[in-house]
Amino acid sequence: VQLQASGGGLVQVGGSLRLSCVVSGLTFSTYRLGWFRQAPGKEREFVTSIRTGDKYYADSVKGRFAISKDNAKRTVYLQMNGLKPEDTAVYYCAAGRSIVSSQYSQYNWQYWGQGTQVTVSS
């Protein structure tokens, strides 16, 4: 199983970025796919997830971030708008079969990408 994340970079406050994560080696449509982030000195935190038609977001990103996926391309996306300095972190894509109530903990996800750095400058 491989998850390859890309799309990070340096952006100014209020700007946008789109992260991509190409997934291989698992049955794409049957896994929950998600994004977590980790800022220096902090725990890895849940950002968003998607499986079939349901999507979930952390309160801190609701209304600004949007997750989507393309089954044909085996890719999950994270569109980030209205970026703030506190969004600065390494962003990781993940895949797992956790139930909804346990998805918020990184320990309930089985597969991880390598991470991509997002830096929001003021």
Protein backbone atom coordinates (compact mmCIF):
# COMPACT_ATOMS: atom_id res chain seq x y z
CA VAL A 1 0.00 0.00 0.00
CA GLN A 2 1.30 3.44 -0.92
CA LEU A 3 -0.06 6.91 -0.37
CA GLN A 4 1.78 9.70 -2.17
CA ALA A 5 0.91 13.22 -1.07
CA SER A 6 1.81 16.37 -2.95
CA GLY A 7 0.81 19.99 -3.40
CA GLY A 8 2.16 21.65 -0.30
CA GLY A 9 4.03 24.92 -0.37
CA LEU A 10 4.34 28.44 0.91
CA VAL A 11 1.29 30.68 0.65
CA GLN A 12 0.23 34.01 2.09
CA VAL A 13 -2.59 34.48 4.56
CA GLY A 14 -5.92 34.17 2.78
CA GLY A 15 -4.46 32.17 -0.05
CA SER A 16 -5.35 28.71 -1.34
CA LEU A 17 -3.65 25.40 -1.95
CA ARG A 18 -4.85 22.04 -3.18
CA LEU A 19 -3.24 18.90 -1.83
CA SER A 20 -3.42 15.59 -3.68
CA CYS A 21 -2.84 12.05 -2.50
CA VAL A 22 -2.56 9.15 -4.92
CA VAL A 23 -3.42 5.81 -3.34
CA SER A 24 -2.31 2.42 -4.56
CA GLY A 25 -2.41 -1.13 -3.27
CA LEU A 26 -5.83 -1.15 -1.64
CA THR A 27 -9.46 -1.22 -2.67
CA PHE A 28 -9.90 2.52 -2.98
CA SER A 29 -13.67 2.69 -2.72
CA THR A 30 -13.92 0.64 0.47
CA TYR A 31 -11.55 2.67 2.62
CA ARG A 32 -12.13 5.85 4.51
CA LEU A 33 -9.63 8.45 3.28
CA GLY A 34 -8.53 11.39 5.31
CA TRP A 35 -6.12 14.19 6.00
CA PHE A 36 -4.34 14.92 9.25
CA ARG A 37 -1.85 17.62 10.07
CA GLN A 38 0.95 18.05 12.54
CA ALA A 39 2.46 21.34 13.60
CA PRO A 40 5.84 21.48 15.38
CA GLY A 41 5.55 20.36 18.98
CA LYS A 42 1.93 19.29 18.60
CA GLU A 43 0.04 16.06 18.20
CA ARG A 44 -1.10 14.95 14.79
CA GLU A 45 -4.69 16.14 14.45
CA PHE A 46 -7.64 15.17 12.32
CA VAL A 47 -8.55 17.57 9.53
CA THR A 48 -11.11 15.82 7.35
CA SER A 49 -12.23 12.47 5.97
CA ILE A 50 -14.39 11.04 3.22
CA ARG A 51 -15.98 7.71 2.42
CA THR A 52 -18.58 7.32 -0.30
CA GLY A 53 -20.97 10.20 0.35
CA ASP A 54 -20.10 11.25 3.89
CA LYS A 55 -17.54 13.88 4.78
CA TYR A 56 -16.33 15.11 8.14
CA TYR A 57 -14.33 18.18 9.07
CA ALA A 58 -12.55 19.49 12.12
CA ASP A 59 -14.26 22.61 13.46
CA SER A 60 -11.14 24.64 12.77
CA VAL A 61 -11.38 24.10 9.00
CA LYS A 62 -15.13 23.95 8.38
CA GLY A 63 -16.17 26.33 5.65
CA ARG A 64 -12.59 26.78 4.43
CA PHE A 65 -11.38 23.30 3.48
CA ALA A 66 -13.04 20.76 1.22
CA ILE A 67 -12.21 17.11 0.70
CA SER A 68 -13.03 15.23 -2.48
CA LYS A 69 -11.92 12.13 -4.29
CA ASP A 70 -11.69 10.75 -7.79
CA ASN A 71 -12.14 7.00 -7.79
CA ALA A 72 -10.90 6.62 -11.37
CA LYS A 73 -7.65 8.41 -10.53
CA ARG A 74 -7.45 6.83 -7.08
CA THR A 75 -6.76 10.27 -5.70
CA VAL A 76 -8.07 12.19 -2.73
CA TYR A 77 -7.85 15.98 -2.68
CA LEU A 78 -7.83 18.65 -0.03
CA GLN A 79 -8.80 22.10 -1.25
CA MET A 80 -7.72 24.68 1.31
CA ASN A 81 -9.03 28.22 1.04
CA GLY A 82 -8.75 31.18 3.37
CA LEU A 83 -5.52 29.86 4.82
CA LYS A 84 -4.38 31.14 8.20
CA PRO A 85 -0.98 31.03 9.93
CA GLU A 86 -2.35 28.40 12.30
CA ASP A 87 -2.88 26.08 9.32
CA THR A 88 0.89 25.78 9.00
CA ALA A 89 1.79 22.12 9.44
CA VAL A 90 2.87 18.96 7.70
CA TYR A 91 -0.23 17.46 6.11
CA TYR A 92 -0.61 13.70 5.89
CA CYS A 93 -3.09 11.68 3.91
CA ALA A 94 -4.33 8.47 5.45
CA ALA A 95 -6.47 5.45 4.69
CA GLY A 96 -8.31 3.24 7.10
CA ARG A 97 -11.37 1.24 7.95
CA SER A 98 -12.17 2.96 11.21
CA ILE A 99 -15.75 3.65 12.12
CA VAL A 100 -16.83 7.26 12.16
CA SER A 101 -16.63 7.71 15.93
CA SER A 102 -12.99 6.60 16.08
CA GLN A 103 -11.70 8.34 12.97
CA TYR A 104 -10.54 11.42 14.89
CA SER A 105 -7.57 9.61 16.40
CA GLN A 106 -4.51 8.99 14.25
CA TYR A 107 -4.10 5.61 15.94
CA ASN A 108 -7.21 4.25 14.21
CA TRP A 109 -5.85 4.72 10.69
CA GLN A 110 -3.89 1.95 9.01
CA TYR A 111 -1.96 3.57 6.16
CA TRP A 112 -0.17 6.90 5.85
CA GLY A 113 1.45 9.05 3.21
CA GLN A 114 4.79 10.74 3.68
CA GLY A 115 3.47 14.23 4.44
CA THR A 116 3.66 17.52 2.61
CA GLN A 117 4.57 20.84 4.21
CA VAL A 118 2.11 23.72 4.16
CA THR A 119 3.39 27.07 5.37
CA VAL A 120 1.14 30.11 5.65
CA SER A 121 3.00 33.36 5.99
CA SER A 122 1.65 36.60 7.38
